[in-house]
Protein backbone atom coordinates (compact mmCIF):
# COMPACT_ATOMS: atom_id res chain seq x y z
CA MET A 1 187.14 121.61 169.57
CA LYS A 2 189.66 121.12 172.35
CA LEU A 3 189.54 123.11 175.55
CA GLY A 4 192.82 124.70 174.82
CA GLN A 5 191.59 125.98 171.44
CA MET A 6 188.47 127.36 173.10
CA MET A 7 190.50 129.20 175.73
CA LYS A 8 192.79 130.65 173.02
CA GLN A 9 189.71 131.86 171.08
CA ALA A 10 188.25 133.33 174.18
CA GLN A 11 191.43 135.17 175.01
CA GLU A 12 191.64 136.53 171.36
CA MET A 13 188.06 137.71 171.53
CA GLN A 14 188.71 139.37 174.90
CA ALA A 15 191.72 141.23 173.41
CA LYS A 16 189.60 142.35 170.46
CA MET A 17 186.91 143.59 172.78
CA ALA A 18 189.45 145.50 174.82
CA GLU A 19 190.72 147.10 171.63
CA MET A 20 187.18 147.93 170.51
CA GLN A 21 186.37 149.55 173.91
CA GLU A 22 189.49 151.56 173.77
CA GLY A 23 188.58 152.87 170.36
CA LEU A 24 185.16 153.90 171.50
CA GLY A 25 186.78 156.88 173.28
CA SER A 26 187.88 158.35 170.07
CA LEU A 27 184.70 157.64 168.03
CA GLU A 28 182.41 160.48 167.55
CA VAL A 29 178.78 160.24 166.67
CA SER A 30 176.36 163.13 166.16
CA GLY A 31 172.63 163.19 166.59
CA GLY A 32 170.26 166.05 165.75
CA SER A 33 166.77 167.41 166.23
CA GLY A 34 164.70 170.30 165.00
CA ALA A 35 165.72 169.70 161.47
CA GLY A 36 169.37 170.14 162.31
CA LEU A 37 169.01 173.23 164.58
CA VAL A 38 170.31 171.25 167.57
CA SER A 39 173.19 168.91 167.27
CA VAL A 40 174.88 166.74 169.97
CA THR A 41 178.15 164.87 169.48
CA LEU A 42 178.92 161.92 171.71
CA ASN A 43 181.98 159.68 171.89
CA GLY A 44 181.50 155.86 171.63
CA LYS A 45 181.24 155.67 175.44
CA GLY A 46 178.16 157.96 175.41
CA GLU A 47 180.05 160.99 176.79
CA MET A 48 179.01 164.38 175.31
CA ARG A 49 181.80 165.94 173.38
CA SER A 50 179.86 168.96 171.97
CA ILE A 51 176.55 170.55 171.53
CA LYS A 52 175.48 173.09 168.85
CA ILE A 53 172.35 175.16 169.09
CA ASP A 54 171.20 177.45 166.37
CA PRO A 55 170.82 180.96 167.79
CA SER A 56 167.33 181.18 166.29
CA LEU A 57 166.14 178.74 169.00
CA VAL A 58 167.31 180.79 171.94
CA ASN A 59 164.09 182.28 173.10
CA PRO A 60 163.81 183.10 176.92
CA ASP A 61 160.05 182.81 176.66
CA ASP A 62 160.27 179.19 175.33
CA VAL A 63 163.06 177.45 177.16
CA GLU A 64 161.05 174.25 177.27
CA MET A 65 161.10 173.73 173.54
CA LEU A 66 164.99 174.15 173.57
CA GLU A 67 165.24 171.69 176.37
CA ASP A 68 163.13 169.18 174.50
CA LEU A 69 165.25 169.65 171.32
CA VAL A 70 168.43 169.17 173.30
CA ALA A 71 167.14 165.96 174.90
CA ALA A 72 165.93 164.67 171.48
CA ALA A 73 169.32 165.32 169.85
CA PHE A 74 171.15 163.62 172.76
CA ASN A 75 168.80 160.61 172.50
CA ASP A 76 169.37 160.40 168.74
CA ALA A 77 173.10 160.47 169.13
CA LYS A 78 172.91 157.89 172.01
CA ALA A 79 170.89 155.53 169.85
CA LYS A 80 173.47 155.81 167.02
CA VAL A 81 176.30 155.10 169.52
CA GLU A 82 174.39 151.95 170.83
CA ALA A 83 173.70 150.73 167.31
CA HIS A 84 177.43 151.18 166.45
CA VAL A 85 178.54 149.29 169.59
CA GLN A 86 175.97 146.52 168.90
CA GLU A 87 177.23 146.17 165.35
CA GLU A 88 180.85 145.95 166.45
CA MET A 89 179.95 143.45 169.15
CA SER A 90 178.09 141.40 166.58
CA LYS A 91 181.28 141.24 164.51
CA LEU A 92 183.39 140.20 167.42
CA THR A 93 180.99 137.48 168.56
CA GLY A 94 180.28 136.17 165.11
CA GLY A 95 176.59 137.17 165.28
CA LEU A 96 176.12 135.40 168.63
CA ASN A 97 173.17 137.17 170.34
CA LEU A 98 173.92 137.59 173.97
CA PRO A 99 170.97 137.90 176.43
CA PRO A 100 170.15 141.48 177.50
CA GLY A 101 172.58 142.80 180.17
CA MET A 102 175.16 140.10 179.40
CA SER A 103 178.35 141.20 177.82
CA LEU A 104 181.76 139.78 177.02
CA PRO A 105 184.06 139.19 178.68
CA PHE A 106 181.91 137.37 181.25
């Protein structure tokens, strides 16, 4: 493969990655805990968009349980976002596994 072709492919991949990253802002992924009593929705960038808490969980004598359920719902949503991003990156890189912490463009 010629250097010019490699550069063109790299530019195309960079453009696709920029497009994917832009789309992550509009992606919404929900995670839940407590059998659906707590739900957190994040965008593809990991920013929280909404949280829903079933009123039955609001107990001033057990705030710790509610805090734990919120954290668990957030972590569930975050894991789903990360899995989605990884899947999209895999499509862009043709299955090329990048070392941890390394992302494209370099």
